[in-house]
Every structure is written in C-alpha cells, then in structure tokens.
Amino acid sequence: MNVFALLLGSRIPPRYPSVWGLFFVLLAAVACSPKDERPGLWLQGDEITTTVRDWRFTDEIEEIAIETRAWYLLAHSTTIWCVQHEGNLYVGSYGTEKKFWEKNIARDPRAKIRIEDKIYSAVITLVEDSALSQQLDSAYNQKYDMEDRIEQQL
C-alpha cells in the first residue's frame, strides 16, 4: 500500500495517463494475495516463529495458501487444500500435470504457508511411502468428500 501512495503522489506525465493507469491496474492485480484459483505473490500475515507440533487445528480449515519462489526469484502463491494426519500437516495436488508451485518446490523446498492470517515457514518434501500415501488419500477423501466431488464433475 505504501508503494501505491508513493507512486500515486508522484507526477505522472500527461501524455501517458492511460499507460500509467494500466500499469497501476496490472500492478494491483498481480500483487494481490491468492484467492480461489487466482495466484498471487507474497503472502501477508503474522509470522509465527514457534514450531507447531500438532496441526489438528486445520481440520476445519478448507483452504490454505502456499508461497514458493519461482526461478526468477519472485514469490508465487496459490491456495491449496491441506489435511493433517497424526498431527502432521500435508498439502496435496491432484492430476498428472505438475502445478507451478510443485515445480518451484522441486527446485527449492522452502515455502511459507498462510493459515488464517498466520504465516508459517515450511520445508515441503514429497511423500514416497505408499502406505502413508494411501492413508493421506483416505484423509483427503474424508475431509473434502472427494467421491461426491468426482461424481459432480461427471
């Protein structure tokens, strides 16, 4: 917001008002936090520096946001679903095509997670244990009624 105040307070050349207006509209659209399927840049909220040992408080939370770093060093954030299992937090992705945030995590596993205006630092690793993956699939199915969602899409 301070950036907008400084830029809006500066003198804009009269020959290019539509270019500057377009610039401000695009800047505002890109700098937003993610919402639904619209991505964003940096997440904002209160940074939590203590270690969370039990993520069960996320059971009632539908969507969280994840911030990763793109190869060009800007933040990329998007909303995702999460599930806790035995007190640990997991985020998931579906489909065969890798999402942008997954590609970023493959390059740099550090991320930030926003849950109800609180920002948590995280290191994201791929779950490779097939038994745990099945348990997580079941937890996702239960939390998000995945079978009902699949039937609605058909």
N, C-alpha and C. Protein backbone atom coordinates (compact mmCIF):
# COMPACT_ATOMS: atom_id res chain seq x y z
N MET A 1 0.82 -1.19 0.00
CA MET A 1 0.00 0.00 0.00
C MET A 1 0.87 1.25 0.00
N ASN A 2 1.97 1.26 0.73
CA ASN A 2 2.86 2.42 0.72
C ASN A 2 3.42 2.68 -0.66
N VAL A 3 3.68 1.63 -1.42
CA VAL A 3 4.20 1.80 -2.77
C VAL A 3 3.19 2.55 -3.62
N PHE A 4 1.92 2.19 -3.48
CA PHE A 4 0.90 2.90 -4.25
C PHE A 4 0.82 4.35 -3.84
N ALA A 5 0.94 4.65 -2.55
CA ALA A 5 0.86 6.03 -2.09
C ALA A 5 2.01 6.84 -2.67
N LEU A 6 3.21 6.26 -2.71
CA LEU A 6 4.35 6.99 -3.26
C LEU A 6 4.20 7.19 -4.76
N LEU A 7 3.78 6.16 -5.46
CA LEU A 7 3.64 6.27 -6.91
C LEU A 7 2.49 7.19 -7.29
N LEU A 8 1.39 7.09 -6.58
CA LEU A 8 0.24 7.93 -6.91
C LEU A 8 0.51 9.39 -6.58
N GLY A 9 1.39 9.64 -5.61
CA GLY A 9 1.72 11.00 -5.24
C GLY A 9 2.73 11.63 -6.18
N SER A 10 3.40 10.82 -7.01
CA SER A 10 4.39 11.38 -7.93
C SER A 10 3.68 11.97 -9.15
N ARG A 11 4.42 12.74 -9.88
CA ARG A 11 3.83 13.40 -11.04
C ARG A 11 3.84 12.44 -12.23
N ILE A 12 2.68 12.24 -12.83
CA ILE A 12 2.54 11.36 -13.98
C ILE A 12 2.52 12.21 -15.23
N PRO A 13 3.36 11.88 -16.21
CA PRO A 13 3.37 12.68 -17.44
C PRO A 13 1.99 12.70 -18.09
N PRO A 14 1.48 13.86 -18.49
CA PRO A 14 0.14 13.96 -19.04
C PRO A 14 -0.03 13.21 -20.36
N ARG A 15 1.04 12.97 -21.13
CA ARG A 15 0.90 12.29 -22.41
C ARG A 15 0.55 10.81 -22.26
N TYR A 16 0.83 10.20 -21.11
CA TYR A 16 0.68 8.77 -20.96
C TYR A 16 -0.23 8.36 -19.80
N PRO A 17 -1.33 9.07 -19.57
CA PRO A 17 -2.16 8.71 -18.41
C PRO A 17 -2.76 7.32 -18.54
N SER A 18 -3.13 6.90 -19.75
CA SER A 18 -3.74 5.57 -19.89
C SER A 18 -2.71 4.47 -19.66
N VAL A 19 -1.46 4.70 -20.05
CA VAL A 19 -0.41 3.71 -19.82
C VAL A 19 -0.16 3.56 -18.32
N TRP A 20 -0.08 4.71 -17.62
CA TRP A 20 0.13 4.66 -16.17
C TRP A 20 -1.06 4.01 -15.47
N GLY A 21 -2.26 4.32 -15.92
CA GLY A 21 -3.44 3.70 -15.32
C GLY A 21 -3.44 2.20 -15.51
N LEU A 22 -3.10 1.74 -16.70
CA LEU A 22 -3.00 0.31 -16.97
C LEU A 22 -1.92 -0.32 -16.10
N PHE A 23 -0.78 0.38 -15.96
CA PHE A 23 0.30 -0.12 -15.12
C PHE A 23 -0.17 -0.34 -13.69
N PHE A 24 -0.89 0.63 -13.12
CA PHE A 24 -1.37 0.52 -11.74
C PHE A 24 -2.41 -0.59 -11.59
N VAL A 25 -3.27 -0.74 -12.56
CA VAL A 25 -4.27 -1.81 -12.51
C VAL A 25 -3.58 -3.17 -12.55
N LEU A 26 -2.61 -3.34 -13.45
CA LEU A 26 -1.88 -4.61 -13.54
C LEU A 26 -1.07 -4.87 -12.28
N LEU A 27 -0.42 -3.83 -11.75
CA LEU A 27 0.36 -3.99 -10.53
C LEU A 27 -0.54 -4.41 -9.37
N ALA A 28 -1.69 -3.80 -9.25
CA ALA A 28 -2.63 -4.17 -8.18
C ALA A 28 -3.13 -5.60 -8.35
N ALA A 29 -3.40 -6.01 -9.58
CA ALA A 29 -3.90 -7.36 -9.83
C ALA A 29 -2.84 -8.41 -9.53
N VAL A 30 -1.60 -8.14 -9.89
CA VAL A 30 -0.52 -9.11 -9.69
C VAL A 30 -0.10 -9.18 -8.22
N ALA A 31 -0.15 -8.07 -7.51
CA ALA A 31 0.35 -8.03 -6.14
C ALA A 31 -0.64 -8.57 -5.12
N CYS A 32 -1.78 -8.98 -5.54
CA CYS A 32 -2.80 -9.48 -4.62
C CYS A 32 -2.41 -10.82 -4.03
N SER A 33 -3.01 -11.11 -2.91
CA SER A 33 -2.88 -12.45 -2.34
C SER A 33 -3.71 -13.40 -3.17
N PRO A 34 -3.39 -14.69 -3.11
CA PRO A 34 -4.16 -15.65 -3.90
C PRO A 34 -5.58 -15.77 -3.37
N LYS A 35 -6.50 -16.07 -4.26
CA LYS A 35 -7.89 -16.29 -3.86
C LYS A 35 -8.48 -17.29 -4.83
N ASP A 36 -9.11 -18.32 -4.29
CA ASP A 36 -9.66 -19.39 -5.10
C ASP A 36 -8.59 -19.90 -6.06
N GLU A 37 -8.81 -19.76 -7.36
CA GLU A 37 -7.83 -20.26 -8.32
C GLU A 37 -6.89 -19.18 -8.84
N ARG A 38 -7.06 -17.94 -8.39
CA ARG A 38 -6.20 -16.84 -8.83
C ARG A 38 -4.92 -16.83 -7.99
N PRO A 39 -3.74 -16.92 -8.62
CA PRO A 39 -2.49 -16.89 -7.86
C PRO A 39 -2.15 -15.48 -7.41
N GLY A 40 -1.18 -15.38 -6.54
CA GLY A 40 -0.72 -14.10 -6.05
C GLY A 40 0.79 -14.11 -5.89
N LEU A 41 1.29 -13.14 -5.16
CA LEU A 41 2.73 -13.05 -4.91
C LEU A 41 3.00 -13.35 -3.44
N TRP A 42 3.52 -12.39 -2.70
CA TRP A 42 3.91 -12.60 -1.32
C TRP A 42 2.69 -12.71 -0.42
N LEU A 43 2.75 -13.66 0.50
CA LEU A 43 1.69 -13.82 1.49
C LEU A 43 1.90 -12.81 2.60
N GLN A 44 0.81 -12.32 3.13
CA GLN A 44 0.88 -11.38 4.24
C GLN A 44 0.16 -11.95 5.44
N GLY A 45 0.67 -11.64 6.62
CA GLY A 45 0.07 -12.10 7.86
C GLY A 45 1.10 -12.04 8.97
N ASP A 46 0.71 -12.51 10.14
CA ASP A 46 1.61 -12.54 11.30
C ASP A 46 2.52 -13.75 11.19
N GLU A 47 3.83 -13.52 11.19
CA GLU A 47 4.77 -14.64 11.10
C GLU A 47 4.86 -15.35 12.44
N ILE A 48 4.69 -16.65 12.40
CA ILE A 48 4.78 -17.49 13.59
C ILE A 48 6.17 -18.15 13.58
N THR A 49 6.94 -17.91 14.63
CA THR A 49 8.31 -18.44 14.66
C THR A 49 8.44 -19.68 15.54
N THR A 50 7.42 -20.00 16.31
CA THR A 50 7.48 -21.20 17.13
C THR A 50 7.13 -22.42 16.30
N THR A 51 7.67 -23.56 16.70
CA THR A 51 7.39 -24.82 15.99
C THR A 51 6.01 -25.32 16.35
N VAL A 52 5.23 -25.67 15.34
CA VAL A 52 3.90 -26.24 15.57
C VAL A 52 4.06 -27.75 15.63
N ARG A 53 3.64 -28.33 16.73
CA ARG A 53 3.79 -29.77 16.92
C ARG A 53 2.52 -30.55 16.62
N ASP A 54 1.39 -29.85 16.55
CA ASP A 54 0.13 -30.53 16.28
C ASP A 54 -0.74 -29.63 15.39
N TRP A 55 -1.01 -30.10 14.19
CA TRP A 55 -1.74 -29.33 13.19
C TRP A 55 -3.22 -29.69 13.15
N ARG A 56 -3.73 -30.32 14.18
CA ARG A 56 -5.14 -30.73 14.19
C ARG A 56 -6.09 -29.53 14.07
N PHE A 57 -5.63 -28.35 14.41
CA PHE A 57 -6.48 -27.16 14.29
C PHE A 57 -6.86 -26.87 12.84
N THR A 58 -6.21 -27.51 11.88
CA THR A 58 -6.53 -27.29 10.47
C THR A 58 -7.66 -28.19 9.99
N ASP A 59 -8.16 -29.07 10.83
CA ASP A 59 -9.23 -30.00 10.41
C ASP A 59 -10.44 -29.28 9.84
N GLU A 60 -10.77 -28.12 10.37
CA GLU A 60 -11.95 -27.38 9.92
C GLU A 60 -11.64 -26.32 8.89
N ILE A 61 -10.41 -26.23 8.46
CA ILE A 61 -10.00 -25.20 7.51
C ILE A 61 -9.99 -25.81 6.11
N GLU A 62 -10.76 -25.22 5.20
CA GLU A 62 -10.89 -25.75 3.84
C GLU A 62 -9.66 -25.45 2.99
N GLU A 63 -9.24 -24.18 2.94
CA GLU A 63 -8.14 -23.77 2.07
C GLU A 63 -7.07 -23.04 2.86
N ILE A 64 -5.84 -23.29 2.47
CA ILE A 64 -4.72 -22.52 2.98
C ILE A 64 -3.99 -21.97 1.77
N ALA A 65 -2.98 -21.14 2.01
CA ALA A 65 -2.19 -20.60 0.90
C ALA A 65 -0.74 -21.04 1.07
N ILE A 66 -0.09 -21.28 -0.05
CA ILE A 66 1.32 -21.64 -0.05
C ILE A 66 2.07 -20.64 -0.91
N GLU A 67 3.24 -20.21 -0.42
CA GLU A 67 4.11 -19.30 -1.17
C GLU A 67 5.41 -20.02 -1.47
N THR A 68 5.77 -20.07 -2.73
CA THR A 68 7.03 -20.65 -3.16
C THR A 68 7.81 -19.60 -3.94
N ARG A 69 9.03 -19.92 -4.29
CA ARG A 69 9.86 -19.00 -5.08
C ARG A 69 9.99 -19.52 -6.50
N ALA A 70 9.66 -18.67 -7.44
CA ALA A 70 9.82 -19.01 -8.85
C ALA A 70 11.29 -18.92 -9.22
N TRP A 71 11.66 -19.47 -10.35
CA TRP A 71 13.06 -19.46 -10.79
C TRP A 71 13.59 -18.04 -10.98
N TYR A 72 12.68 -17.09 -11.24
CA TYR A 72 13.09 -15.70 -11.43
C TYR A 72 13.02 -14.91 -10.11
N LEU A 73 12.96 -15.64 -8.98
CA LEU A 73 13.10 -15.14 -7.62
C LEU A 73 11.90 -14.37 -7.06
N LEU A 74 10.83 -14.24 -7.81
CA LEU A 74 9.62 -13.64 -7.26
C LEU A 74 8.83 -14.72 -6.53
N ALA A 75 8.05 -14.28 -5.56
CA ALA A 75 7.18 -15.21 -4.85
C ALA A 75 6.00 -15.59 -5.75
N HIS A 76 5.56 -16.82 -5.61
CA HIS A 76 4.35 -17.29 -6.27
C HIS A 76 3.51 -17.93 -5.18
N SER A 77 2.29 -17.47 -5.04
CA SER A 77 1.42 -18.06 -4.02
C SER A 77 0.11 -18.51 -4.65
N THR A 78 -0.45 -19.52 -4.06
CA THR A 78 -1.71 -20.07 -4.54
C THR A 78 -2.43 -20.73 -3.37
N THR A 79 -3.71 -20.94 -3.54
CA THR A 79 -4.47 -21.63 -2.49
C THR A 79 -4.43 -23.13 -2.76
N ILE A 80 -4.40 -23.89 -1.69
CA ILE A 80 -4.38 -25.34 -1.79
C ILE A 80 -5.18 -25.94 -0.64
N TRP A 81 -5.46 -27.20 -0.76
CA TRP A 81 -6.11 -27.94 0.32
C TRP A 81 -5.04 -28.58 1.19
N CYS A 82 -5.41 -28.81 2.43
CA CYS A 82 -4.48 -29.45 3.36
C CYS A 82 -5.23 -30.49 4.18
N VAL A 83 -4.47 -31.39 4.75
CA VAL A 83 -5.03 -32.38 5.65
C VAL A 83 -3.98 -32.67 6.71
N GLN A 84 -4.42 -32.87 7.91
CA GLN A 84 -3.48 -33.29 8.95
C GLN A 84 -3.69 -34.78 9.18
N HIS A 85 -2.60 -35.44 9.46
CA HIS A 85 -2.64 -36.87 9.75
C HIS A 85 -1.66 -37.11 10.89
N GLU A 86 -2.18 -37.64 11.98
CA GLU A 86 -1.38 -37.89 13.18
C GLU A 86 -0.65 -36.63 13.64
N GLY A 87 -1.32 -35.48 13.49
CA GLY A 87 -0.76 -34.22 13.96
C GLY A 87 0.16 -33.52 12.98
N ASN A 88 0.53 -34.18 11.87
CA ASN A 88 1.40 -33.58 10.85
C ASN A 88 0.54 -32.98 9.75
N LEU A 89 1.04 -31.92 9.12
CA LEU A 89 0.30 -31.24 8.06
C LEU A 89 0.82 -31.68 6.69
N TYR A 90 -0.12 -31.94 5.79
CA TYR A 90 0.20 -32.34 4.43
C TYR A 90 -0.59 -31.47 3.46
N VAL A 91 0.04 -31.14 2.34
CA VAL A 91 -0.64 -30.44 1.26
C VAL A 91 -0.59 -31.37 0.06
N GLY A 92 -1.59 -31.26 -0.78
CA GLY A 92 -1.65 -32.19 -1.89
C GLY A 92 -1.96 -31.53 -3.20
N SER A 93 -1.73 -32.30 -4.23
CA SER A 93 -2.03 -31.87 -5.58
C SER A 93 -2.60 -33.06 -6.32
N TYR A 94 -3.49 -32.82 -7.24
CA TYR A 94 -4.08 -33.92 -7.99
C TYR A 94 -3.83 -33.70 -9.47
N GLY A 95 -3.96 -34.76 -10.21
CA GLY A 95 -3.73 -34.68 -11.65
C GLY A 95 -2.30 -35.07 -12.00
N THR A 96 -2.09 -35.35 -13.27
CA THR A 96 -0.77 -35.79 -13.71
C THR A 96 0.16 -34.63 -14.03
N GLU A 97 -0.40 -33.48 -14.37
CA GLU A 97 0.43 -32.33 -14.71
C GLU A 97 0.87 -31.61 -13.44
N LYS A 98 2.17 -31.32 -13.36
CA LYS A 98 2.70 -30.62 -12.19
C LYS A 98 2.20 -29.17 -12.17
N LYS A 99 1.80 -28.74 -10.99
CA LYS A 99 1.37 -27.35 -10.79
C LYS A 99 2.62 -26.47 -10.69
N PHE A 100 2.45 -25.17 -10.86
CA PHE A 100 3.56 -24.22 -10.80
C PHE A 100 4.26 -24.29 -9.45
N TRP A 101 3.46 -24.37 -8.36
CA TRP A 101 4.07 -24.40 -7.03
C TRP A 101 4.86 -25.69 -6.83
N GLU A 102 4.42 -26.79 -7.42
CA GLU A 102 5.15 -28.06 -7.30
C GLU A 102 6.51 -27.98 -8.00
N LYS A 103 6.54 -27.34 -9.16
CA LYS A 103 7.80 -27.16 -9.88
C LYS A 103 8.77 -26.30 -9.05
N ASN A 104 8.22 -25.27 -8.42
CA ASN A 104 9.04 -24.42 -7.56
C ASN A 104 9.61 -25.21 -6.38
N ILE A 105 8.78 -26.05 -5.77
CA ILE A 105 9.21 -26.85 -4.61
C ILE A 105 10.27 -27.86 -5.02
N ALA A 106 10.18 -28.42 -6.23
CA ALA A 106 11.18 -29.36 -6.71
C ALA A 106 12.56 -28.69 -6.79
N ARG A 107 12.56 -27.40 -7.10
CA ARG A 107 13.80 -26.64 -7.22
C ARG A 107 14.27 -26.12 -5.85
N ASP A 108 13.33 -25.69 -5.01
CA ASP A 108 13.65 -25.13 -3.69
C ASP A 108 12.52 -25.51 -2.74
N PRO A 109 12.76 -26.43 -1.80
CA PRO A 109 11.68 -26.96 -0.96
C PRO A 109 11.19 -26.00 0.13
N ARG A 110 11.82 -24.84 0.26
CA ARG A 110 11.36 -23.89 1.28
C ARG A 110 10.09 -23.19 0.82
N ALA A 111 9.16 -23.03 1.75
CA ALA A 111 7.88 -22.39 1.42
C ALA A 111 7.36 -21.67 2.65
N LYS A 112 6.33 -20.90 2.42
CA LYS A 112 5.56 -20.30 3.51
C LYS A 112 4.13 -20.75 3.34
N ILE A 113 3.48 -20.97 4.45
CA ILE A 113 2.09 -21.39 4.47
C ILE A 113 1.30 -20.35 5.26
N ARG A 114 0.17 -19.89 4.68
CA ARG A 114 -0.70 -18.97 5.42
C ARG A 114 -1.97 -19.72 5.81
N ILE A 115 -2.22 -19.72 7.11
CA ILE A 115 -3.43 -20.32 7.66
C ILE A 115 -4.08 -19.27 8.55
N GLU A 116 -5.25 -18.80 8.15
CA GLU A 116 -5.99 -17.78 8.91
C GLU A 116 -5.10 -16.61 9.34
N ASP A 117 -4.49 -15.94 8.38
CA ASP A 117 -3.67 -14.74 8.61
C ASP A 117 -2.42 -14.99 9.43
N LYS A 118 -2.01 -16.23 9.57
CA LYS A 118 -0.75 -16.56 10.23
C LYS A 118 0.15 -17.23 9.21
N ILE A 119 1.42 -16.81 9.19
CA ILE A 119 2.39 -17.32 8.22
C ILE A 119 3.36 -18.25 8.94
N TYR A 120 3.50 -19.45 8.38
CA TYR A 120 4.40 -20.46 8.93
C TYR A 120 5.45 -20.79 7.87
N SER A 121 6.72 -20.86 8.28
CA SER A 121 7.77 -21.32 7.38
C SER A 121 7.73 -22.83 7.33
N ALA A 122 8.02 -23.39 6.16
CA ALA A 122 7.94 -24.85 6.00
C ALA A 122 8.97 -25.32 4.99
N VAL A 123 9.29 -26.59 5.09
CA VAL A 123 10.08 -27.27 4.08
C VAL A 123 9.18 -28.39 3.56
N ILE A 124 8.92 -28.39 2.28
CA ILE A 124 7.98 -29.32 1.67
C ILE A 124 8.76 -30.49 1.06
N THR A 125 8.38 -31.70 1.42
CA THR A 125 9.00 -32.90 0.85
C THR A 125 7.91 -33.80 0.29
N LEU A 126 8.26 -34.54 -0.74
CA LEU A 126 7.32 -35.45 -1.37
C LEU A 126 7.14 -36.69 -0.51
N VAL A 127 5.92 -37.12 -0.32
CA VAL A 127 5.63 -38.35 0.42
C VAL A 127 5.86 -39.51 -0.54
N GLU A 128 6.80 -40.37 -0.19
CA GLU A 128 7.13 -41.50 -1.05
C GLU A 128 6.70 -42.84 -0.45
N ASP A 129 6.25 -42.85 0.78
CA ASP A 129 5.79 -44.07 1.44
C ASP A 129 4.38 -44.39 0.94
N SER A 130 4.21 -45.51 0.26
CA SER A 130 2.91 -45.84 -0.35
C SER A 130 1.82 -46.07 0.70
N ALA A 131 2.16 -46.65 1.84
CA ALA A 131 1.16 -46.87 2.90
C ALA A 131 0.68 -45.53 3.44
N LEU A 132 1.61 -44.61 3.68
CA LEU A 132 1.23 -43.28 4.16
C LEU A 132 0.42 -42.55 3.09
N SER A 133 0.80 -42.68 1.83
CA SER A 133 0.04 -42.04 0.74
C SER A 133 -1.40 -42.52 0.73
N GLN A 134 -1.62 -43.79 0.93
CA GLN A 134 -2.99 -44.33 0.97
C GLN A 134 -3.76 -43.76 2.16
N GLN A 135 -3.10 -43.63 3.31
CA GLN A 135 -3.76 -43.04 4.48
C GLN A 135 -4.11 -41.58 4.22
N LEU A 136 -3.22 -40.87 3.55
CA LEU A 136 -3.48 -39.46 3.24
C LEU A 136 -4.60 -39.32 2.21
N ASP A 137 -4.63 -40.20 1.22
CA ASP A 137 -5.74 -40.20 0.26
C ASP A 137 -7.07 -40.37 0.98
N SER A 138 -7.08 -41.28 1.93
CA SER A 138 -8.30 -41.53 2.71
C SER A 138 -8.68 -40.29 3.54
N ALA A 139 -7.68 -39.66 4.14
CA ALA A 139 -7.94 -38.45 4.93
C ALA A 139 -8.49 -37.33 4.04
N TYR A 140 -7.92 -37.17 2.83
CA TYR A 140 -8.44 -36.17 1.88
C TYR A 140 -9.88 -36.50 1.48
N ASN A 141 -10.12 -37.77 1.17
CA ASN A 141 -11.48 -38.18 0.80
C ASN A 141 -12.47 -37.87 1.89
N GLN A 142 -12.08 -38.09 3.12
CA GLN A 142 -12.99 -37.84 4.25
C GLN A 142 -13.19 -36.34 4.46
N LYS A 143 -12.12 -35.56 4.44
CA LYS A 143 -12.22 -34.13 4.72
C LYS A 143 -12.96 -33.38 3.63
N TYR A 144 -12.70 -33.72 2.37
CA TYR A 144 -13.23 -32.94 1.26
C TYR A 144 -14.32 -33.66 0.47
N ASP A 145 -14.83 -34.77 0.96
CA ASP A 145 -15.86 -35.52 0.26
C ASP A 145 -15.49 -35.69 -1.20
N MET A 146 -14.31 -36.22 -1.44
CA MET A 146 -13.78 -36.33 -2.79
C MET A 146 -14.67 -37.18 -3.71
N GLU A 147 -15.25 -38.22 -3.19
CA GLU A 147 -16.11 -39.06 -4.03
C GLU A 147 -17.31 -38.27 -4.53
N ASP A 148 -17.91 -37.43 -3.66
CA ASP A 148 -19.02 -36.58 -4.09
C ASP A 148 -18.58 -35.58 -5.14
N ARG A 149 -17.38 -35.00 -4.97
CA ARG A 149 -16.87 -34.00 -5.93
C ARG A 149 -16.62 -34.63 -7.29
N ILE A 150 -16.10 -35.85 -7.30
CA ILE A 150 -15.83 -36.55 -8.56
C ILE A 150 -17.15 -36.85 -9.27
N GLU A 151 -18.15 -37.31 -8.53
CA GLU A 151 -19.45 -37.60 -9.13
C GLU A 151 -20.08 -36.34 -9.69
N GLN A 152 -19.92 -35.19 -9.03
CA GLN A 152 -20.49 -33.94 -9.51
C GLN A 152 -19.83 -33.50 -10.81
N GLN A 153 -18.55 -33.81 -10.98
CA GLN A 153 -17.84 -33.41 -12.19
C GLN A 153 -18.22 -34.28 -13.37
N LEU A 154 -18.67 -35.51 -13.11
CA LEU A 154 -19.04 -36.42 -14.21
C LEU A 154 -20.37 -36.06 -14.73
